[in-house]
N, C-alpha and C. Protein backbone atom coordinates (compact mmCIF):
# COMPACT_ATOMS: atom_id res chain seq x y z
N MET A 1 -20.84 43.75 0.68
CA MET A 1 -20.15 42.78 1.47
C MET A 1 -18.93 42.32 0.69
N ASN A 2 -17.97 41.90 1.47
CA ASN A 2 -16.72 41.51 0.89
C ASN A 2 -16.67 40.00 0.70
N GLU A 3 -15.55 39.55 0.25
CA GLU A 3 -15.35 38.14 -0.05
C GLU A 3 -14.83 37.40 1.18
N ILE A 4 -15.39 36.26 1.45
CA ILE A 4 -15.00 35.44 2.62
C ILE A 4 -14.44 34.10 2.09
N HIS A 5 -13.28 33.70 2.68
CA HIS A 5 -12.65 32.42 2.31
C HIS A 5 -12.69 31.48 3.52
N PHE A 6 -12.96 30.25 3.25
CA PHE A 6 -12.92 29.21 4.29
C PHE A 6 -11.97 28.12 3.85
N TYR A 7 -11.04 27.80 4.77
CA TYR A 7 -9.95 26.86 4.46
C TYR A 7 -10.21 25.52 5.16
N SER A 8 -9.41 24.55 4.83
CA SER A 8 -9.60 23.21 5.43
C SER A 8 -9.17 23.28 6.89
N SER A 9 -9.81 22.48 7.70
CA SER A 9 -9.51 22.38 9.12
C SER A 9 -8.28 21.45 9.30
N LYS A 10 -7.18 22.05 9.73
CA LYS A 10 -5.91 21.29 9.84
C LYS A 10 -6.03 20.30 10.97
N ILE A 11 -6.76 20.57 12.04
CA ILE A 11 -6.86 19.66 13.14
C ILE A 11 -7.63 18.39 12.71
N LYS A 12 -8.74 18.56 12.02
CA LYS A 12 -9.52 17.44 11.55
C LYS A 12 -8.70 16.61 10.53
N SER A 13 -7.91 17.30 9.71
CA SER A 13 -7.06 16.60 8.75
C SER A 13 -5.98 15.82 9.43
N ILE A 14 -5.42 16.31 10.50
CA ILE A 14 -4.41 15.55 11.24
C ILE A 14 -5.02 14.34 11.94
N ILE A 15 -6.22 14.54 12.47
CA ILE A 15 -6.90 13.37 13.07
C ILE A 15 -7.15 12.30 12.02
N LEU A 16 -7.65 12.68 10.83
CA LEU A 16 -7.83 11.72 9.76
C LEU A 16 -6.53 11.03 9.39
N LEU A 17 -5.44 11.78 9.35
CA LEU A 17 -4.13 11.19 9.06
C LEU A 17 -3.72 10.19 10.13
N ILE A 18 -3.87 10.52 11.38
CA ILE A 18 -3.50 9.60 12.43
C ILE A 18 -4.34 8.32 12.42
N ILE A 19 -5.62 8.43 12.22
CA ILE A 19 -6.53 7.28 12.18
C ILE A 19 -6.14 6.43 10.97
N SER A 20 -5.96 7.01 9.84
CA SER A 20 -5.65 6.26 8.60
C SER A 20 -4.26 5.59 8.73
N PHE A 21 -3.29 6.32 9.28
CA PHE A 21 -2.01 5.77 9.47
C PHE A 21 -2.03 4.60 10.46
N GLY A 22 -2.84 4.72 11.47
CA GLY A 22 -2.98 3.63 12.45
C GLY A 22 -3.47 2.35 11.86
N PHE A 23 -4.54 2.49 11.02
CA PHE A 23 -5.07 1.29 10.38
C PHE A 23 -4.11 0.68 9.37
N VAL A 24 -3.39 1.53 8.64
CA VAL A 24 -2.42 1.03 7.68
C VAL A 24 -1.27 0.32 8.39
N TYR A 25 -0.83 0.91 9.50
CA TYR A 25 0.27 0.31 10.28
C TYR A 25 -0.21 -1.01 10.87
N PHE A 26 -1.45 -1.08 11.38
CA PHE A 26 -1.99 -2.34 11.90
C PHE A 26 -2.05 -3.41 10.85
N PHE A 27 -2.41 -3.00 9.61
CA PHE A 27 -2.50 -3.98 8.54
C PHE A 27 -1.09 -4.52 8.22
N ILE A 28 -0.11 -3.64 8.13
CA ILE A 28 1.21 -4.07 7.80
C ILE A 28 1.81 -4.94 8.91
N TYR A 29 1.52 -4.60 10.15
CA TYR A 29 2.00 -5.32 11.29
C TYR A 29 1.37 -6.72 11.36
N SER A 30 0.10 -6.82 11.03
CA SER A 30 -0.58 -8.13 11.18
C SER A 30 -0.75 -8.82 9.79
N TYR A 31 -0.01 -8.44 8.80
CA TYR A 31 -0.18 -9.03 7.48
C TYR A 31 0.16 -10.54 7.48
N GLU A 32 1.19 -10.93 8.18
CA GLU A 32 1.59 -12.29 8.17
C GLU A 32 0.54 -13.23 8.81
N GLU A 33 -0.16 -12.76 9.85
CA GLU A 33 -1.21 -13.47 10.45
C GLU A 33 -2.46 -13.59 9.57
N LEU A 34 -2.69 -12.58 8.71
CA LEU A 34 -3.83 -12.57 7.84
C LEU A 34 -3.75 -13.62 6.72
N THR A 35 -2.56 -14.00 6.38
CA THR A 35 -2.38 -14.98 5.26
C THR A 35 -2.99 -16.33 5.59
N TYR A 36 -3.18 -16.62 6.86
CA TYR A 36 -3.75 -17.90 7.26
C TYR A 36 -5.27 -17.86 7.49
N LYS A 37 -5.86 -16.74 7.18
CA LYS A 37 -7.35 -16.60 7.37
C LYS A 37 -8.08 -16.99 6.09
N SER A 38 -9.38 -16.82 6.12
CA SER A 38 -10.18 -17.15 4.93
C SER A 38 -9.98 -16.07 3.85
N TYR A 39 -10.36 -16.44 2.63
CA TYR A 39 -10.18 -15.53 1.50
C TYR A 39 -11.00 -14.24 1.68
N PHE A 40 -12.19 -14.36 2.29
CA PHE A 40 -13.01 -13.18 2.55
C PHE A 40 -12.35 -12.22 3.44
N ILE A 41 -11.72 -12.67 4.52
CA ILE A 41 -11.03 -11.79 5.46
C ILE A 41 -9.81 -11.16 4.78
N ILE A 42 -9.08 -11.96 3.96
CA ILE A 42 -7.94 -11.44 3.24
C ILE A 42 -8.35 -10.32 2.29
N MET A 43 -9.42 -10.58 1.53
CA MET A 43 -9.85 -9.56 0.57
C MET A 43 -10.36 -8.30 1.26
N MET A 44 -11.12 -8.46 2.30
CA MET A 44 -11.63 -7.28 3.04
C MET A 44 -10.50 -6.52 3.69
N SER A 45 -9.53 -7.18 4.19
CA SER A 45 -8.40 -6.46 4.85
C SER A 45 -7.60 -5.70 3.79
N HIS A 46 -7.41 -6.28 2.58
CA HIS A 46 -6.77 -5.54 1.53
C HIS A 46 -7.59 -4.34 1.07
N PHE A 47 -8.86 -4.51 1.00
CA PHE A 47 -9.79 -3.40 0.61
C PHE A 47 -9.68 -2.27 1.64
N VAL A 48 -9.71 -2.62 2.94
CA VAL A 48 -9.60 -1.62 4.00
C VAL A 48 -8.24 -0.91 3.96
N PHE A 49 -7.18 -1.72 3.64
CA PHE A 49 -5.88 -1.15 3.50
C PHE A 49 -5.81 -0.08 2.38
N ILE A 50 -6.45 -0.39 1.23
CA ILE A 50 -6.46 0.53 0.12
C ILE A 50 -7.22 1.78 0.48
N ILE A 51 -8.40 1.65 1.12
CA ILE A 51 -9.17 2.78 1.49
C ILE A 51 -8.45 3.71 2.46
N PHE A 52 -7.86 3.13 3.48
CA PHE A 52 -7.11 3.96 4.45
C PHE A 52 -5.82 4.51 3.87
N SER A 53 -5.26 3.86 2.88
CA SER A 53 -4.08 4.46 2.20
C SER A 53 -4.51 5.74 1.45
N PHE A 54 -5.68 5.67 0.80
CA PHE A 54 -6.19 6.86 0.16
C PHE A 54 -6.53 7.93 1.20
N GLY A 55 -6.95 7.49 2.42
CA GLY A 55 -7.22 8.42 3.52
C GLY A 55 -5.96 9.18 3.91
N ILE A 56 -4.81 8.51 3.90
CA ILE A 56 -3.54 9.16 4.19
C ILE A 56 -3.23 10.18 3.13
N ILE A 57 -3.40 9.82 1.87
CA ILE A 57 -3.11 10.76 0.79
C ILE A 57 -4.06 11.98 0.83
N TYR A 58 -5.32 11.72 1.07
CA TYR A 58 -6.32 12.80 1.10
C TYR A 58 -6.06 13.74 2.25
N SER A 59 -5.73 13.19 3.43
CA SER A 59 -5.46 14.05 4.59
C SER A 59 -4.18 14.87 4.37
N MET A 60 -3.20 14.29 3.67
CA MET A 60 -1.99 15.07 3.38
C MET A 60 -2.31 16.22 2.42
N ILE A 61 -3.16 15.97 1.44
CA ILE A 61 -3.57 17.03 0.53
C ILE A 61 -4.25 18.16 1.30
N LEU A 62 -5.15 17.79 2.24
CA LEU A 62 -5.84 18.81 3.02
C LEU A 62 -4.91 19.56 3.97
N ILE A 63 -3.94 18.86 4.54
CA ILE A 63 -3.02 19.50 5.49
C ILE A 63 -2.16 20.56 4.75
N PHE A 64 -1.62 20.23 3.60
CA PHE A 64 -0.71 21.13 2.89
C PHE A 64 -1.41 22.04 1.89
N ARG A 65 -2.72 22.03 1.83
CA ARG A 65 -3.46 22.87 0.93
C ARG A 65 -3.43 24.35 1.41
N ARG A 66 -3.10 25.24 0.53
CA ARG A 66 -3.02 26.68 0.84
C ARG A 66 -4.22 27.44 0.26
N LYS A 67 -4.94 26.85 -0.70
CA LYS A 67 -6.07 27.52 -1.32
C LYS A 67 -7.30 27.25 -0.42
N PRO A 68 -8.30 28.16 -0.51
CA PRO A 68 -9.56 27.90 0.23
C PRO A 68 -10.36 26.78 -0.38
N LEU A 69 -11.20 26.18 0.47
CA LEU A 69 -12.16 25.13 -0.01
C LEU A 69 -13.48 25.76 -0.39
N LEU A 70 -13.77 26.94 0.18
CA LEU A 70 -15.02 27.61 -0.07
C LEU A 70 -14.80 29.10 -0.07
N THR A 71 -15.35 29.78 -1.06
CA THR A 71 -15.29 31.27 -1.16
C THR A 71 -16.69 31.76 -1.39
N ILE A 72 -17.05 32.77 -0.63
CA ILE A 72 -18.39 33.37 -0.75
C ILE A 72 -18.16 34.86 -1.02
N ASN A 73 -18.67 35.37 -2.15
CA ASN A 73 -18.67 36.78 -2.40
C ASN A 73 -20.11 37.25 -2.67
N GLU A 74 -20.32 38.52 -3.00
CA GLU A 74 -21.68 38.99 -3.09
C GLU A 74 -22.40 38.49 -4.34
N ASN A 75 -21.72 37.89 -5.28
CA ASN A 75 -22.39 37.40 -6.52
C ASN A 75 -22.55 35.88 -6.54
N GLU A 76 -21.63 35.14 -5.92
CA GLU A 76 -21.63 33.71 -6.10
C GLU A 76 -20.94 32.96 -4.96
N ILE A 77 -21.15 31.66 -4.92
CA ILE A 77 -20.47 30.76 -4.04
C ILE A 77 -19.51 29.96 -4.90
N ILE A 78 -18.28 29.82 -4.49
CA ILE A 78 -17.28 29.04 -5.21
C ILE A 78 -16.86 27.87 -4.30
N ILE A 79 -17.14 26.67 -4.74
CA ILE A 79 -16.74 25.46 -4.00
C ILE A 79 -15.53 24.86 -4.67
N PHE A 80 -14.42 24.83 -3.98
CA PHE A 80 -13.20 24.19 -4.49
C PHE A 80 -13.06 22.85 -3.92
N TYR A 81 -13.15 21.82 -4.79
CA TYR A 81 -12.95 20.45 -4.35
C TYR A 81 -11.47 20.13 -4.40
N PRO A 82 -10.94 19.38 -3.45
CA PRO A 82 -9.50 19.07 -3.47
C PRO A 82 -9.09 18.21 -4.66
N LEU A 83 -9.98 17.36 -5.18
CA LEU A 83 -9.57 16.47 -6.27
C LEU A 83 -10.37 16.66 -7.56
N ARG A 84 -11.20 17.69 -7.61
CA ARG A 84 -12.02 18.01 -8.79
C ARG A 84 -11.95 19.43 -9.14
N LYS A 85 -12.68 19.80 -10.22
CA LYS A 85 -12.75 21.23 -10.64
C LYS A 85 -13.64 22.00 -9.64
N LYS A 86 -13.42 23.30 -9.63
CA LYS A 86 -14.22 24.15 -8.77
C LYS A 86 -15.63 24.35 -9.39
N VAL A 87 -16.58 24.68 -8.54
CA VAL A 87 -17.98 24.83 -8.91
C VAL A 87 -18.39 26.28 -8.58
N LEU A 88 -18.97 26.98 -9.57
CA LEU A 88 -19.42 28.33 -9.35
C LEU A 88 -20.96 28.29 -9.29
N ILE A 89 -21.54 28.83 -8.21
CA ILE A 89 -22.97 28.82 -8.06
C ILE A 89 -23.41 30.27 -7.83
N PRO A 90 -24.07 30.94 -8.79
CA PRO A 90 -24.52 32.31 -8.61
C PRO A 90 -25.70 32.37 -7.62
N PHE A 91 -25.73 33.40 -6.81
CA PHE A 91 -26.80 33.56 -5.83
C PHE A 91 -28.16 33.73 -6.47
N GLU A 92 -28.22 34.21 -7.72
CA GLU A 92 -29.50 34.41 -8.35
C GLU A 92 -30.17 33.07 -8.69
N ASP A 93 -29.40 31.99 -8.73
CA ASP A 93 -29.96 30.67 -9.02
C ASP A 93 -30.31 29.88 -7.76
N ILE A 94 -29.95 30.40 -6.57
CA ILE A 94 -30.15 29.70 -5.34
C ILE A 94 -31.47 30.06 -4.70
N GLY A 95 -32.23 29.03 -4.29
CA GLY A 95 -33.51 29.25 -3.64
C GLY A 95 -33.36 29.23 -2.14
N GLY A 96 -32.44 28.50 -1.59
CA GLY A 96 -32.24 28.45 -0.15
C GLY A 96 -31.21 27.40 0.23
N PHE A 97 -31.03 27.23 1.56
CA PHE A 97 -30.11 26.25 2.12
C PHE A 97 -30.74 25.45 3.20
N PHE A 98 -30.29 24.25 3.41
CA PHE A 98 -30.69 23.50 4.60
C PHE A 98 -29.57 22.56 5.01
N ILE A 99 -29.57 22.23 6.31
CA ILE A 99 -28.53 21.39 6.83
C ILE A 99 -29.02 19.96 6.93
N SER A 100 -28.19 19.07 6.50
CA SER A 100 -28.47 17.65 6.70
C SER A 100 -27.26 17.00 7.36
N SER A 101 -27.56 16.05 8.22
CA SER A 101 -26.42 15.37 8.91
C SER A 101 -26.69 13.88 8.91
N SER A 102 -25.64 13.13 8.89
CA SER A 102 -25.67 11.71 8.96
C SER A 102 -25.36 11.33 10.39
N SER A 103 -26.00 10.26 10.86
CA SER A 103 -25.68 9.84 12.27
C SER A 103 -25.59 8.30 12.26
N TYR A 104 -24.77 7.82 13.16
CA TYR A 104 -24.63 6.40 13.36
C TYR A 104 -24.86 6.11 14.85
N ARG A 105 -25.93 5.42 15.12
CA ARG A 105 -26.32 5.05 16.52
C ARG A 105 -26.48 6.33 17.37
N GLY A 106 -27.03 7.37 16.82
CA GLY A 106 -27.32 8.58 17.58
C GLY A 106 -26.17 9.58 17.58
N ILE A 107 -25.00 9.24 17.06
CA ILE A 107 -23.84 10.13 17.06
C ILE A 107 -23.75 10.73 15.65
N LYS A 108 -23.75 12.05 15.54
CA LYS A 108 -23.66 12.72 14.23
C LYS A 108 -22.27 12.51 13.72
N THR A 109 -22.22 12.04 12.47
CA THR A 109 -20.91 11.68 11.88
C THR A 109 -20.52 12.71 10.81
N SER A 110 -21.46 13.30 10.13
CA SER A 110 -21.12 14.29 9.09
C SER A 110 -22.25 15.31 8.94
N HIS A 111 -21.79 16.54 8.61
CA HIS A 111 -22.74 17.62 8.36
C HIS A 111 -22.46 18.15 6.96
N GLN A 112 -23.53 18.53 6.27
CA GLN A 112 -23.41 19.18 5.03
C GLN A 112 -24.51 20.17 4.87
N ILE A 113 -24.26 21.24 4.12
CA ILE A 113 -25.22 22.24 3.77
C ILE A 113 -25.62 22.02 2.32
N ASN A 114 -26.91 21.68 2.14
CA ASN A 114 -27.43 21.45 0.79
C ASN A 114 -27.94 22.77 0.25
N ILE A 115 -27.71 22.96 -1.03
CA ILE A 115 -28.10 24.18 -1.71
C ILE A 115 -29.33 23.82 -2.57
N VAL A 116 -30.41 24.53 -2.34
CA VAL A 116 -31.64 24.30 -3.10
C VAL A 116 -31.65 25.31 -4.24
N MET A 117 -31.73 24.78 -5.45
CA MET A 117 -31.69 25.60 -6.64
C MET A 117 -33.10 26.02 -7.07
N LYS A 118 -33.19 27.20 -7.64
CA LYS A 118 -34.52 27.66 -8.11
C LYS A 118 -34.97 26.85 -9.30
N ASN A 119 -34.11 26.68 -10.26
CA ASN A 119 -34.47 25.89 -11.48
C ASN A 119 -33.44 24.80 -11.65
N ALA A 120 -33.67 23.68 -10.97
CA ALA A 120 -32.71 22.58 -11.03
C ALA A 120 -32.83 21.87 -12.37
N LYS A 121 -31.71 21.66 -13.01
CA LYS A 121 -31.67 21.00 -14.30
C LYS A 121 -31.06 19.60 -14.15
N LEU A 122 -30.96 19.14 -12.94
CA LEU A 122 -30.35 17.86 -12.71
C LEU A 122 -31.36 16.74 -12.97
N LYS A 123 -31.01 15.79 -13.80
CA LYS A 123 -31.92 14.65 -14.05
C LYS A 123 -31.74 13.61 -12.97
N LYS A 124 -32.82 13.28 -12.31
CA LYS A 124 -32.79 12.26 -11.29
C LYS A 124 -33.77 11.17 -11.73
N ASN A 125 -33.52 9.96 -11.28
CA ASN A 125 -34.41 8.88 -11.66
C ASN A 125 -35.67 8.91 -10.78
N LYS A 126 -36.66 8.14 -11.15
CA LYS A 126 -37.94 8.17 -10.48
C LYS A 126 -37.86 7.67 -9.04
N ILE A 127 -36.96 6.73 -8.78
CA ILE A 127 -36.87 6.18 -7.42
C ILE A 127 -36.39 7.26 -6.47
N VAL A 128 -35.40 8.04 -6.84
CA VAL A 128 -34.89 9.13 -5.97
C VAL A 128 -36.00 10.16 -5.77
N LYS A 129 -36.77 10.50 -6.80
CA LYS A 129 -37.84 11.48 -6.66
C LYS A 129 -38.96 11.02 -5.77
N THR A 130 -39.23 9.70 -5.73
CA THR A 130 -40.31 9.22 -4.88
C THR A 130 -39.87 9.01 -3.44
N ILE A 131 -38.66 8.52 -3.22
CA ILE A 131 -38.21 8.24 -1.88
C ILE A 131 -37.71 9.50 -1.18
N PHE A 132 -36.99 10.36 -1.90
CA PHE A 132 -36.44 11.59 -1.32
C PHE A 132 -36.96 12.82 -2.06
N PRO A 133 -38.22 13.18 -1.85
CA PRO A 133 -38.73 14.34 -2.60
C PRO A 133 -38.08 15.65 -2.12
N GLN A 134 -37.50 15.74 -0.91
CA GLN A 134 -36.89 16.95 -0.46
C GLN A 134 -35.62 17.28 -1.22
N PHE A 135 -35.04 16.26 -1.89
CA PHE A 135 -33.85 16.50 -2.65
C PHE A 135 -34.08 16.73 -4.16
N GLU A 136 -35.32 17.03 -4.50
CA GLU A 136 -35.73 17.22 -5.87
C GLU A 136 -34.99 18.39 -6.54
N ASN A 137 -34.87 19.52 -5.82
CA ASN A 137 -34.24 20.73 -6.39
C ASN A 137 -32.83 20.90 -5.86
N MET A 138 -32.28 19.90 -5.14
CA MET A 138 -30.94 20.04 -4.60
C MET A 138 -29.96 19.51 -5.62
N GLN A 139 -28.97 20.30 -5.90
CA GLN A 139 -27.97 19.88 -6.87
C GLN A 139 -26.53 19.92 -6.28
N TYR A 140 -26.31 20.81 -5.34
CA TYR A 140 -24.97 20.98 -4.77
C TYR A 140 -25.04 20.88 -3.26
N ALA A 141 -23.89 20.54 -2.70
CA ALA A 141 -23.79 20.44 -1.22
C ALA A 141 -22.40 20.90 -0.82
N ILE A 142 -22.31 21.54 0.35
CA ILE A 142 -21.08 21.98 0.93
C ILE A 142 -20.78 21.08 2.13
N GLN A 143 -19.71 20.31 2.02
CA GLN A 143 -19.35 19.44 3.13
C GLN A 143 -18.65 20.28 4.17
N SER A 144 -19.36 20.58 5.26
CA SER A 144 -18.82 21.52 6.21
C SER A 144 -17.93 20.88 7.25
N ASP A 145 -17.79 19.54 7.24
CA ASP A 145 -16.89 18.89 8.15
C ASP A 145 -15.43 19.21 7.88
N LEU A 146 -15.12 19.45 6.64
CA LEU A 146 -13.71 19.69 6.27
C LEU A 146 -13.30 21.14 6.47
N LEU A 147 -14.26 22.05 6.70
CA LEU A 147 -14.00 23.48 6.80
C LEU A 147 -13.64 23.87 8.23
N ASN A 148 -12.97 24.98 8.34
CA ASN A 148 -12.60 25.52 9.67
C ASN A 148 -13.68 26.43 10.23
N VAL A 149 -14.96 26.10 10.01
CA VAL A 149 -16.06 26.89 10.51
C VAL A 149 -17.20 25.92 10.88
N LYS A 150 -17.97 26.31 11.89
CA LYS A 150 -19.12 25.50 12.34
C LYS A 150 -20.23 25.56 11.30
N THR A 151 -21.01 24.52 11.20
CA THR A 151 -22.10 24.42 10.24
C THR A 151 -23.16 25.53 10.44
N LYS A 152 -23.56 25.76 11.68
CA LYS A 152 -24.62 26.72 11.94
C LYS A 152 -24.13 28.16 11.64
N LYS A 153 -22.89 28.45 11.91
CA LYS A 153 -22.35 29.77 11.58
C LYS A 153 -22.26 29.97 10.05
N LEU A 154 -21.85 28.91 9.35
CA LEU A 154 -21.75 29.00 7.90
C LEU A 154 -23.10 29.20 7.28
N ILE A 155 -24.16 28.53 7.78
CA ILE A 155 -25.46 28.71 7.15
C ILE A 155 -26.01 30.12 7.46
N ILE A 156 -25.65 30.69 8.58
CA ILE A 156 -26.06 32.10 8.87
C ILE A 156 -25.40 33.03 7.87
N ILE A 157 -24.10 32.80 7.61
CA ILE A 157 -23.39 33.63 6.64
C ILE A 157 -23.96 33.47 5.26
N LEU A 158 -24.26 32.24 4.83
CA LEU A 158 -24.80 31.99 3.52
C LEU A 158 -26.18 32.63 3.37
N ASN A 159 -27.03 32.52 4.40
CA ASN A 159 -28.34 33.14 4.32
C ASN A 159 -28.27 34.65 4.29
N SER A 160 -27.30 35.26 4.98
CA SER A 160 -27.17 36.73 4.92
C SER A 160 -26.71 37.18 3.54
N TYR A 161 -25.79 36.45 2.93
CA TYR A 161 -25.37 36.76 1.57
C TYR A 161 -26.51 36.56 0.57
N LEU A 162 -27.29 35.52 0.73
CA LEU A 162 -28.43 35.24 -0.12
C LEU A 162 -29.48 36.35 0.01
N LYS A 163 -29.71 36.78 1.23
CA LYS A 163 -30.69 37.87 1.47
C LYS A 163 -30.20 39.17 0.83
N ASN A 164 -28.92 39.49 0.99
CA ASN A 164 -28.36 40.72 0.39
C ASN A 164 -28.37 40.65 -1.11
N SER A 165 -28.13 39.45 -1.63
CA SER A 165 -28.17 39.26 -3.09
C SER A 165 -29.55 39.45 -3.65
N ASN A 166 -30.55 38.90 -2.93
CA ASN A 166 -31.94 39.09 -3.38
C ASN A 166 -32.41 40.52 -3.31
N THR A 167 -31.94 41.26 -2.29
CA THR A 167 -32.37 42.70 -2.22
C THR A 167 -31.67 43.49 -3.29
N ASN A 168 -30.42 43.12 -3.69
CA ASN A 168 -29.74 43.82 -4.76
C ASN A 168 -30.44 43.58 -6.11
N ILE A 169 -30.99 42.36 -6.30
CA ILE A 169 -31.70 42.06 -7.55
C ILE A 169 -33.01 42.82 -7.61
N VAL A 170 -33.70 42.94 -6.47
CA VAL A 170 -34.99 43.67 -6.49
C VAL A 170 -34.73 45.16 -6.76
N GLU A 171 -33.65 45.76 -6.19
CA GLU A 171 -33.37 47.14 -6.39
C GLU A 171 -33.02 47.48 -7.82
N LYS A 172 -32.43 46.52 -8.53
CA LYS A 172 -32.00 46.77 -9.94
C LYS A 172 -33.21 46.77 -10.80
């Protein structure tokens, strides 16, 4: 099998840019009215302004990014984070994949593919182990909302590469 690259979704990045820019514009437009409100409202509005300002910067990074966010080859998965170092995950260390999604009032807001490791060396505290035992061997996740591929299609591709990798290990 050959190498597959997945890039950031430009449409979703533009939507994030428009929403963030709208909130920042609304804050700047209504700043004078906010000065007469309580300190809590003033502090929260400044906090929201800072968060959405970073949203503008992050969406601009994703829009102008030319490098892939995810690369899958026959030996490993490479996750390129926009603001951090890349992560190399060899298929021989992967036990499987599963999809998890967050929802707000019944509307799915984010999807991610969690990678279950065979020998996880991640230290987790006892509270996480007791409340979320399914995340015991999970160390990495692929945020599929930012990619230009659907989550179900990506997990099919990942499982096929994992299956081919496991058959290659058995043959050797």
